[in-house]
Amino acid sequence: MIKIIDWVIKIGGSLFPESAISLINELKGTNTLLVIGGGEFANLIRKYDMEIGFSNDVTHETAINSMDILAKLLNDKFNFTKLAKTINQAVKISNEGKIPILLCSELLLIEDPFEHTWDVTSDSIAAYVSHLINAKLLIATNVNGIYTRQPTLEGSKFIEEIDVKKLLTFEESSIDLMLPSTLIRFESDCYIVNGNFPKRVLSIITNQGNFDAFPYTYIKGDKKWKK
């Protein structure tokens, strides 16, 4: 493994476009690699799959292509980011002082460690990428973190910290169903943070500020990165 890029930041497609743009602006100058979720493009593919039915291979491939589409659109808005097709390209871009935005379809053409199912989304892919470069993982989404049930339901409670093995029993949360087993497989930890508040993300990855001042979820695995 290599240790050059400090953080993999997965930016959820739910933040596209305005919140994603604001977040990336806040990340300027950080030693990060970005993985972008597929957002509404991927949701449409899932919708059509439920209505008509396509093969698992083609829905997996096109959902990842959706990630590439949003990655390219976001990259177009900045002069301090650059698209990367491989890990080696990402490292080179980072060494040039820019933030690499990974085109995941290119990477997964070479090696795809996942079952082709809707249980696997950009969360698990980002965890895989963080494993490849031995980096810490933060998932920026449109909610504060993980709840015991849907946040809008009565009795829902926010979870500040949870052992990754306990997440295996969750049937639905703000992360994809395969992420817990992926984190266990790669012995990784993860932060879940509301990307609508970019300074929260920056505070965690720079280890600055009062972490008790805002909500986030820390998924505790074996690496124990907790600040």
C-alpha atoms as a PDB file:
ATOM      1  CA  MET A   1       0.000   0.000   0.000  1.00  0.00           C
ATOM      2  CA  ILE A   2       0.973   3.637  -0.479  1.00  0.00           C
ATOM      3  CA  LYS A   3       0.418   6.551   1.856  1.00  0.00           C
ATOM      4  CA  ILE A   4       0.353   9.770  -0.093  1.00  0.00           C
ATOM      5  CA  ILE A   5      -3.240  11.021  -0.171  1.00  0.00           C
ATOM      6  CA  ASP A   6      -4.618  11.498   3.347  1.00  0.00           C
ATOM      7  CA  TRP A   7      -8.370  11.313   2.752  1.00  0.00           C
ATOM      8  CA  VAL A   8     -10.874   9.896   0.312  1.00  0.00           C
ATOM      9  CA  ILE A   9     -13.953  12.119   0.367  1.00  0.00           C
ATOM     10  CA  LYS A  10     -17.064  10.578  -1.118  1.00  0.00           C
ATOM     11  CA  ILE A  11     -19.449  13.370  -2.151  1.00  0.00           C
ATOM     12  CA  GLY A  12     -22.978  12.066  -2.326  1.00  0.00           C
ATOM     13  CA  GLY A  13     -24.945  12.660  -5.490  1.00  0.00           C
ATOM     14  CA  SER A  14     -27.698  14.117  -3.290  1.00  0.00           C
ATOM     15  CA  LEU A  15     -25.438  17.166  -2.803  1.00  0.00           C
ATOM     16  CA  PHE A  16     -25.214  17.880  -6.550  1.00  0.00           C
ATOM     17  CA  PRO A  17     -24.907  20.515  -7.786  1.00  0.00           C
ATOM     18  CA  GLU A  18     -24.839  23.526  -5.422  1.00  0.00           C
ATOM     19  CA  SER A  19     -23.808  21.839  -2.170  1.00  0.00           C
ATOM     20  CA  ALA A  20     -21.241  19.666  -3.943  1.00  0.00           C
ATOM     21  CA  ILE A  21     -19.684  22.744  -5.540  1.00  0.00           C
ATOM     22  CA  SER A  22     -19.577  24.571  -2.201  1.00  0.00           C
ATOM     23  CA  LEU A  23     -17.977  21.568  -0.513  1.00  0.00           C
ATOM     24  CA  ILE A  24     -15.274  21.147  -3.149  1.00  0.00           C
ATOM     25  CA  ASN A  25     -14.469  24.855  -2.924  1.00  0.00           C
ATOM     26  CA  GLU A  26     -13.925  24.403   0.811  1.00  0.00           C
ATOM     27  CA  LEU A  27     -11.590  21.463   0.149  1.00  0.00           C
ATOM     28  CA  LYS A  28      -9.162  23.517  -1.960  1.00  0.00           C
ATOM     29  CA  GLY A  29      -5.621  22.940  -0.776  1.00  0.00           C
ATOM     30  CA  THR A  30      -6.383  19.698   1.085  1.00  0.00           C
ATOM     31  CA  ASN A  31      -4.642  16.388   0.441  1.00  0.00           C
ATOM     32  CA  THR A  32      -7.768  14.564  -0.690  1.00  0.00           C
ATOM     33  CA  LEU A  33      -9.145  12.374  -3.460  1.00  0.00           C
ATOM     34  CA  LEU A  34     -12.792  12.764  -4.428  1.00  0.00           C
ATOM     35  CA  VAL A  35     -15.276  10.037  -5.329  1.00  0.00           C
ATOM     36  CA  ILE A  36     -18.603  11.373  -6.595  1.00  0.00           C
ATOM     37  CA  GLY A  37     -21.943   9.617  -6.195  1.00  0.00           C
ATOM     38  CA  GLY A  38     -24.229   9.025  -9.158  1.00  0.00           C
ATOM     39  CA  GLY A  39     -27.160  11.034  -7.791  1.00  0.00           C
ATOM     40  CA  GLU A  40     -30.346  11.307  -9.824  1.00  0.00           C
ATOM     41  CA  PHE A  41     -28.742   9.656 -12.851  1.00  0.00           C
ATOM     42  CA  ALA A  42     -28.177   6.459 -10.857  1.00  0.00           C
ATOM     43  CA  ASN A  43     -31.624   6.761  -9.271  1.00  0.00           C
ATOM     44  CA  LEU A  44     -33.219   6.834 -12.711  1.00  0.00           C
ATOM     45  CA  ILE A  45     -31.371   3.694 -13.728  1.00  0.00           C
ATOM     46  CA  ARG A  46     -32.597   1.986 -10.563  1.00  0.00           C
ATOM     47  CA  LYS A  47     -36.157   3.170 -11.291  1.00  0.00           C
ATOM     48  CA  TYR A  48     -36.097   1.824 -14.846  1.00  0.00           C
ATOM     49  CA  ASP A  49     -34.553  -1.418 -13.621  1.00  0.00           C
ATOM     50  CA  MET A  50     -37.431  -1.899 -11.170  1.00  0.00           C
ATOM     51  CA  GLU A  51     -39.993  -1.149 -13.896  1.00  0.00           C
ATOM     52  CA  ILE A  52     -38.499  -3.080 -16.803  1.00  0.00           C
ATOM     53  CA  GLY A  53     -35.667  -5.228 -15.481  1.00  0.00           C
ATOM     54  CA  PHE A  54     -32.123  -5.207 -16.816  1.00  0.00           C
ATOM     55  CA  SER A  55     -29.174  -7.474 -16.151  1.00  0.00           C
ATOM     56  CA  ASN A  56     -27.181  -6.919 -12.968  1.00  0.00           C
ATOM     57  CA  ASP A  57     -24.041  -6.363 -14.988  1.00  0.00           C
ATOM     58  CA  VAL A  58     -25.460  -3.543 -17.092  1.00  0.00           C
ATOM     59  CA  THR A  59     -27.155  -1.747 -14.197  1.00  0.00           C
ATOM     60  CA  HIS A  60     -23.924  -1.951 -12.182  1.00  0.00           C
ATOM     61  CA  GLU A  61     -21.904  -0.578 -15.081  1.00  0.00           C
ATOM     62  CA  THR A  62     -24.303   2.234 -15.963  1.00  0.00           C
ATOM     63  CA  ALA A  63     -24.735   3.280 -12.330  1.00  0.00           C
ATOM     64  CA  ILE A  64     -20.953   3.665 -12.117  1.00  0.00           C
ATOM     65  CA  ASN A  65     -21.039   5.588 -15.399  1.00  0.00           C
ATOM     66  CA  SER A  66     -23.447   7.954 -13.625  1.00  0.00           C
ATOM     67  CA  MET A  67     -20.734   8.625 -11.065  1.00  0.00           C
ATOM     68  CA  ASP A  68     -18.387   9.550 -13.903  1.00  0.00           C
ATOM     69  CA  ILE A  69     -20.929  11.970 -15.373  1.00  0.00           C
ATOM     70  CA  LEU A  70     -21.258  13.951 -12.154  1.00  0.00           C
ATOM     71  CA  ALA A  71     -17.496  13.782 -11.622  1.00  0.00           C
ATOM     72  CA  LYS A  72     -16.908  15.367 -15.031  1.00  0.00           C
ATOM     73  CA  LEU A  73     -19.535  18.051 -14.466  1.00  0.00           C
ATOM     74  CA  LEU A  74     -18.090  19.013 -11.093  1.00  0.00           C
ATOM     75  CA  ASN A  75     -14.520  18.995 -12.369  1.00  0.00           C
ATOM     76  CA  ASP A  76     -15.570  21.502 -15.005  1.00  0.00           C
ATOM     77  CA  LYS A  77     -16.264  24.088 -12.278  1.00  0.00           C
ATOM     78  CA  PHE A  78     -12.763  24.245 -10.787  1.00  0.00           C
ATOM     79  CA  ASN A  79      -9.184  24.965 -11.775  1.00  0.00           C
ATOM     80  CA  PHE A  80      -7.693  23.102  -8.793  1.00  0.00           C
ATOM     81  CA  THR A  81      -9.187  19.675  -9.565  1.00  0.00           C
ATOM     82  CA  LYS A  82      -8.353  17.167 -12.284  1.00  0.00           C
ATOM     83  CA  LEU A  83      -9.950  13.927 -13.454  1.00  0.00           C
ATOM     84  CA  ALA A  84      -8.053  10.707 -12.775  1.00  0.00           C
ATOM     85  CA  LYS A  85      -8.678   7.373 -14.477  1.00  0.00           C
ATOM     86  CA  THR A  86      -6.326   5.335 -12.295  1.00  0.00           C
ATOM     87  CA  ILE A  87      -4.840   5.421  -8.801  1.00  0.00           C
ATOM     88  CA  ASN A  88      -1.420   6.255 -10.269  1.00  0.00           C
ATOM     89  CA  GLN A  89      -2.910   9.224 -12.113  1.00  0.00           C
ATOM     90  CA  ALA A  90      -4.631  10.360  -8.923  1.00  0.00           C
ATOM     91  CA  VAL A  91      -1.356  10.268  -7.001  1.00  0.00           C
ATOM     92  CA  LYS A  92       0.394  12.210  -9.752  1.00  0.00           C
ATOM     93  CA  ILE A  93      -2.364  14.850  -9.754  1.00  0.00           C
ATOM     94  CA  SER A  94      -2.143  15.129  -5.981  1.00  0.00           C
ATOM     95  CA  ASN A  95       1.632  15.567  -6.185  1.00  0.00           C
ATOM     96  CA  GLU A  96       1.011  18.419  -8.626  1.00  0.00           C
ATOM     97  CA  GLY A  97      -0.967  20.204  -5.915  1.00  0.00           C
ATOM     98  CA  LYS A  98      -4.393  19.552  -7.379  1.00  0.00           C
ATOM     99  CA  ILE A  99      -7.294  17.473  -6.076  1.00  0.00           C
ATOM    100  CA  PRO A 100      -7.947  14.322  -8.121  1.00  0.00           C
ATOM    101  CA  ILE A 101     -11.548  13.416  -8.908  1.00  0.00           C
ATOM    102  CA  LEU A 102     -11.649   9.725  -9.693  1.00  0.00           C
ATOM    103  CA  LEU A 103     -13.468   8.306 -12.712  1.00  0.00           C
ATOM    104  CA  CYS A 104     -14.448   5.071 -11.029  1.00  0.00           C
ATOM    105  CA  SER A 105     -15.594   3.237 -14.154  1.00  0.00           C
ATOM    106  CA  GLU A 106     -12.035   3.202 -15.459  1.00  0.00           C
ATOM    107  CA  LEU A 107     -10.665   1.849 -12.195  1.00  0.00           C
ATOM    108  CA  LEU A 108     -13.315  -0.868 -11.871  1.00  0.00           C
ATOM    109  CA  LEU A 109     -12.710  -2.058 -15.425  1.00  0.00           C
ATOM    110  CA  ILE A 110      -9.304  -3.230 -14.220  1.00  0.00           C
ATOM    111  CA  GLU A 111     -10.443  -4.794 -10.977  1.00  0.00           C
ATOM    112  CA  ASP A 112     -13.997  -4.944  -9.671  1.00  0.00           C
ATOM    113  CA  PRO A 113     -14.169  -6.581  -6.225  1.00  0.00           C
ATOM    114  CA  PHE A 114     -17.929  -6.194  -5.830  1.00  0.00           C
ATOM    115  CA  GLU A 115     -20.981  -8.254  -6.544  1.00  0.00           C
ATOM    116  CA  HIS A 116     -23.115  -6.537  -9.169  1.00  0.00           C
ATOM    117  CA  THR A 117     -26.119  -5.530  -7.083  1.00  0.00           C
ATOM    118  CA  TRP A 118     -27.927  -2.380  -5.987  1.00  0.00           C
ATOM    119  CA  ASP A 119     -26.616  -3.042  -2.464  1.00  0.00           C
ATOM    120  CA  VAL A 120     -23.283  -1.727  -3.753  1.00  0.00           C
ATOM    121  CA  THR A 121     -23.151   2.003  -4.451  1.00  0.00           C
ATOM    122  CA  SER A 122     -20.544   4.751  -4.425  1.00  0.00           C
ATOM    123  CA  ASP A 123     -20.154   4.416  -0.623  1.00  0.00           C
ATOM    124  CA  SER A 124     -18.623   0.965  -0.929  1.00  0.00           C
ATOM    125  CA  ILE A 125     -16.608   1.989  -3.970  1.00  0.00           C
ATOM    126  CA  ALA A 126     -15.148   4.904  -2.010  1.00  0.00           C
ATOM    127  CA  ALA A 127     -14.246   2.509   0.816  1.00  0.00           C
ATOM    128  CA  TYR A 128     -12.455   0.298  -1.692  1.00  0.00           C
ATOM    129  CA  VAL A 129     -10.546   3.281  -3.090  1.00  0.00           C
ATOM    130  CA  SER A 130      -9.508   4.404   0.404  1.00  0.00           C
ATOM    131  CA  HIS A 131      -8.205   0.876   1.017  1.00  0.00           C
ATOM    132  CA  LEU A 132      -6.161   0.936  -2.192  1.00  0.00           C
ATOM    133  CA  ILE A 133      -4.336   4.118  -1.180  1.00  0.00           C
ATOM    134  CA  ASN A 134      -4.383   3.500   2.593  1.00  0.00           C
ATOM    135  CA  ALA A 135      -6.303   6.735   3.194  1.00  0.00           C
ATOM    136  CA  LYS A 136      -8.967   7.727   5.688  1.00  0.00           C
ATOM    137  CA  LEU A 137     -12.583   7.775   4.509  1.00  0.00           C
ATOM    138  CA  LEU A 138     -15.278  10.413   4.914  1.00  0.00           C
ATOM    139  CA  ILE A 139     -18.699  10.168   3.295  1.00  0.00           C
ATOM    140  CA  ALA A 140     -20.415  13.521   2.789  1.00  0.00           C
ATOM    141  CA  THR A 141     -24.147  13.140   2.407  1.00  0.00           C
ATOM    142  CA  ASN A 142     -27.309  15.244   2.822  1.00  0.00           C
ATOM    143  CA  VAL A 143     -28.056  14.159   6.414  1.00  0.00           C
ATOM    144  CA  ASN A 144     -26.104  14.552   9.648  1.00  0.00           C
ATOM    145  CA  GLY A 145     -25.122  10.893   9.864  1.00  0.00           C
ATOM    146  CA  ILE A 146     -26.719   7.565  10.767  1.00  0.00           C
ATOM    147  CA  TYR A 147     -29.990   7.212  12.679  1.00  0.00           C
ATOM    148  CA  THR A 148     -31.636   4.206  14.290  1.00  0.00           C
ATOM    149  CA  ARG A 149     -34.355   4.542  11.646  1.00  0.00           C
ATOM    150  CA  GLN A 150     -35.393   7.100   9.029  1.00  0.00           C
ATOM    151  CA  PRO A 151     -34.843  10.553  10.606  1.00  0.00           C
ATOM    152  CA  THR A 152     -38.433  11.623   9.853  1.00  0.00           C
ATOM    153  CA  LEU A 153     -39.943   8.658  11.739  1.00  0.00           C
ATOM    154  CA  GLU A 154     -41.053   8.978  15.337  1.00  0.00           C
ATOM    155  CA  GLY A 155     -38.559   7.576  17.813  1.00  0.00           C
ATOM    156  CA  SER A 156     -35.596   7.943  15.458  1.00  0.00           C
ATOM    157  CA  LYS A 157     -32.362   8.560  17.344  1.00  0.00           C
ATOM    158  CA  PHE A 158     -29.085   9.916  16.051  1.00  0.00           C
ATOM    159  CA  ILE A 159     -26.001   7.699  16.378  1.00  0.00           C
ATOM    160  CA  GLU A 160     -22.746   9.505  17.160  1.00  0.00           C
ATOM    161  CA  GLU A 161     -20.540   6.414  17.133  1.00  0.00           C
ATOM    162  CA  ILE A 162     -21.184   2.814  16.195  1.00  0.00           C
ATOM    163  CA  ASP A 163     -19.151  -0.343  15.786  1.00  0.00           C
ATOM    164  CA  VAL A 164     -19.146  -1.370  12.143  1.00  0.00           C
ATOM    165  CA  LYS A 165     -20.314  -4.896  13.006  1.00  0.00           C
ATOM    166  CA  LYS A 166     -23.526  -3.515  14.529  1.00  0.00           C
ATOM    167  CA  LEU A 167     -24.352  -1.847  11.220  1.00  0.00           C
ATOM    168  CA  LEU A 168     -24.695  -5.272   9.642  1.00  0.00           C
ATOM    169  CA  THR A 169     -28.103  -5.544  11.319  1.00  0.00           C
ATOM    170  CA  PHE A 170     -29.394  -2.271   9.829  1.00  0.00           C
ATOM    171  CA  GLU A 171     -31.797  -2.796   6.949  1.00  0.00           C
ATOM    172  CA  GLU A 172     -31.796   0.849   5.887  1.00  0.00           C
ATOM    173  CA  SER A 173     -29.673   3.902   6.669  1.00  0.00           C
ATOM    174  CA  SER A 174     -27.944   6.824   4.971  1.00  0.00           C
ATOM    175  CA  ILE A 175     -25.212   4.486   3.699  1.00  0.00           C
ATOM    176  CA  ASP A 176     -25.426   1.624   1.241  1.00  0.00           C
ATOM    177  CA  LEU A 177     -26.113  -1.878   2.527  1.00  0.00           C
ATOM    178  CA  MET A 178     -22.732  -3.221   1.461  1.00  0.00           C
ATOM    179  CA  LEU A 179     -20.627  -0.540   3.175  1.00  0.00           C
ATOM    180  CA  PRO A 180     -20.431  -2.209   6.619  1.00  0.00           C
ATOM    181  CA  SER A 181     -19.156  -5.502   5.203  1.00  0.00           C
ATOM    182  CA  THR A 182     -16.763  -3.583   2.928  1.00  0.00           C
ATOM    183  CA  LEU A 183     -15.337  -1.687   5.916  1.00  0.00           C
ATOM    184  CA  ILE A 184     -14.950  -4.974   7.795  1.00  0.00           C
ATOM    185  CA  ARG A 185     -13.285  -6.605   4.801  1.00  0.00           C
ATOM    186  CA  PHE A 186     -10.731  -3.810   4.479  1.00  0.00           C
ATOM    187  CA  GLU A 187     -10.430  -3.139   8.234  1.00  0.00           C
ATOM    188  CA  SER A 188     -11.435   0.486   7.774  1.00  0.00           C
ATOM    189  CA  ASP A 189     -13.169   3.231   9.722  1.00  0.00           C
ATOM    190  CA  CYS A 190     -15.440   5.908   8.285  1.00  0.00           C
ATOM    191  CA  TYR A 191     -16.995   9.278   9.063  1.00  0.00           C
ATOM    192  CA  ILE A 192     -20.497  10.198   7.890  1.00  0.00           C
ATOM    193  CA  VAL A 193     -20.928  13.983   7.716  1.00  0.00           C
ATOM    194  CA  ASN A 194     -23.535  16.404   6.392  1.00  0.00           C
ATOM    195  CA  GLY A 195     -21.959  17.855   3.261  1.00  0.00           C
ATOM    196  CA  ASN A 196     -24.400  20.755   3.223  1.00  0.00           C
ATOM    197  CA  PHE A 197     -22.091  22.234   5.853  1.00  0.00           C
ATOM    198  CA  PRO A 198     -18.639  22.175   4.203  1.00  0.00           C
ATOM    199  CA  LYS A 199     -16.792  23.466   7.254  1.00  0.00           C
ATOM    200  CA  ARG A 200     -17.851  20.346   9.177  1.00  0.00           C
ATOM    201  CA  VAL A 201     -16.055  18.199   6.617  1.00  0.00           C
ATOM    202  CA  LEU A 202     -13.014  20.474   6.655  1.00  0.00           C
ATOM    203  CA  SER A 203     -12.926  20.456  10.457  1.00  0.00           C
ATOM    204  CA  ILE A 204     -12.682  16.662  10.568  1.00  0.00           C
ATOM    205  CA  ILE A 205     -10.114  16.158   7.830  1.00  0.00           C
ATOM    206  CA  THR A 206      -7.867  18.941   9.147  1.00  0.00           C
ATOM    207  CA  ASN A 207      -8.376  17.874  12.776  1.00  0.00           C
ATOM    208  CA  GLN A 208      -9.247  21.429  13.733  1.00  0.00           C
ATOM    209  CA  GLY A 209     -12.229  22.897  15.540  1.00  0.00           C
ATOM    210  CA  ASN A 210     -14.651  21.610  18.149  1.00  0.00           C
ATOM    211  CA  PHE A 211     -16.018  18.240  17.055  1.00  0.00           C
ATOM    212  CA  ASP A 212     -18.704  18.392  19.728  1.00  0.00           C
ATOM    213  CA  ALA A 213     -20.174  21.481  18.073  1.00  0.00           C
ATOM    214  CA  PHE A 214     -21.833  19.589  15.228  1.00  0.00           C
ATOM    215  CA  PRO A 215     -23.338  16.123  14.662  1.00  0.00           C
ATOM    216  CA  TYR A 216     -21.627  13.399  12.656  1.00  0.00           C
ATOM    217  CA  THR A 217     -21.375   9.631  12.841  1.00  0.00           C
ATOM    218  CA  TYR A 218     -18.112   7.798  13.360  1.00  0.00           C
ATOM    219  CA  ILE A 219     -18.179   4.165  12.202  1.00  0.00           C
ATOM    220  CA  LYS A 220     -15.576   2.387  14.282  1.00  0.00           C
ATOM    221  CA  GLY A 221     -13.626  -0.409  12.678  1.00  0.00           C
ATOM    222  CA  ASP A 222     -10.137  -1.730  13.392  1.00  0.00           C
ATOM    223  CA  LYS A 223      -8.009   1.261  12.373  1.00  0.00           C
ATOM    224  CA  LYS A 224      -9.353   3.564  15.101  1.00  0.00           C
ATOM    225  CA  TRP A 225      -8.836   6.932  13.423  1.00  0.00           C
ATOM    226  CA  LYS A 226     -11.139   8.700  15.887  1.00  0.00           C
ATOM    227  CA  LYS A 227      -9.909  12.184  16.640  1.00  0.00           C
END
